[in-house]
């Protein structure tokens, strides 16, 4: 997944990649933690300026969650 260059909401740069889980060391530049609970609606990116959060259409989490729900209906 390519990193967006600008925020789709305000058009500013830079944006940060949201990573989930417990980091084992310092975070790379332009990365922030999203917590340890991974759900289907968690953002992939967050804007440094307006704090807009969004998920890309090819998000692994959204795809994996949809597949899980298909295989395990309530």
Protein backbone atom coordinates (compact mmCIF):
# COMPACT_ATOMS: atom_id res chain seq x y z
CA UNK A 1 0.00 0.00 0.00
CA UNK A 2 1.51 3.32 -1.07
CA UNK A 3 1.59 6.17 1.40
CA UNK A 4 -0.70 9.04 0.40
CA UNK A 5 1.14 12.28 -0.22
CA UNK A 6 -1.58 14.56 1.14
CA UNK A 7 -4.65 14.40 3.36
CA UNK A 8 -7.86 13.84 1.36
CA UNK A 9 -9.75 16.12 3.78
CA UNK A 10 -7.56 19.24 4.02
CA UNK A 11 -4.86 18.63 1.40
CA UNK A 12 -1.96 19.14 3.80
CA UNK A 13 1.24 17.16 4.05
CA UNK A 14 2.56 15.13 5.87
CA UNK A 15 0.34 12.24 6.84
CA UNK A 16 1.26 9.43 9.22
CA UNK A 17 0.86 5.67 8.85
CA UNK A 18 -1.05 4.09 11.75
CA UNK A 19 0.46 0.83 12.99
CA UNK A 20 -1.19 -1.54 15.44
CA UNK A 21 0.24 -3.68 18.21
CA UNK A 22 3.09 -3.14 20.62
CA UNK A 23 6.18 -1.75 18.86
CA UNK A 24 9.41 -3.55 19.68
CA UNK A 25 11.48 -0.40 19.29
CA UNK A 26 11.33 3.20 18.14
CA UNK A 27 8.76 3.98 15.49
CA UNK A 28 9.94 4.92 12.02
CA UNK A 29 9.34 8.50 10.90
CA UNK A 30 5.73 9.30 9.98
CA UNK A 31 4.31 6.34 11.92
CA UNK A 32 2.05 6.43 14.98
CA UNK A 33 0.54 3.68 17.11
CA UNK A 34 -3.15 2.87 16.77
CA UNK A 35 -3.35 0.70 19.88
CA UNK A 36 -3.37 -3.04 20.31
CA UNK A 37 -7.01 -3.75 19.42
CA UNK A 38 -7.27 -4.31 15.70
CA UNK A 39 -10.73 -3.98 14.19
CA UNK A 40 -12.17 -3.66 10.72
CA UNK A 41 -12.74 0.08 10.90
CA UNK A 42 -9.36 1.22 12.21
CA UNK A 43 -7.63 3.91 10.17
CA UNK A 44 -4.53 3.32 8.07
CA UNK A 45 -3.55 6.99 7.92
CA UNK A 46 -3.92 10.17 10.02
CA UNK A 47 -3.28 13.77 9.03
CA UNK A 48 -0.79 15.77 11.12
CA UNK A 49 -2.71 19.00 10.52
CA UNK A 50 -6.45 18.30 10.82
CA UNK A 51 -6.24 14.82 12.48
CA UNK A 52 -8.52 13.36 9.78
CA UNK A 53 -8.24 9.56 9.84
CA UNK A 54 -9.00 7.25 6.93
CA UNK A 55 -8.61 3.74 5.65
CA UNK A 56 -7.42 2.88 2.18
CA UNK A 57 -9.69 0.72 -0.01
CA UNK A 58 -7.14 -2.10 -0.11
CA UNK A 59 -6.64 -2.17 3.65
CA UNK A 60 -5.51 -5.61 4.80
CA UNK A 61 -7.58 -5.30 8.00
CA UNK A 62 -10.83 -4.51 6.18
CA UNK A 63 -10.30 -7.33 3.69
CA UNK A 64 -9.33 -9.88 6.35
CA UNK A 65 -12.25 -8.87 8.59
CA UNK A 66 -14.77 -9.19 5.75
CA UNK A 67 -13.42 -12.66 4.94
CA UNK A 68 -13.63 -13.65 8.62
CA UNK A 69 -17.26 -12.49 8.88
CA UNK A 70 -18.15 -14.42 5.71
CA UNK A 71 -16.68 -17.61 7.16
CA UNK A 72 -18.04 -17.06 10.67
CA UNK A 73 -21.54 -15.56 10.50
CA UNK A 74 -23.19 -14.60 13.78
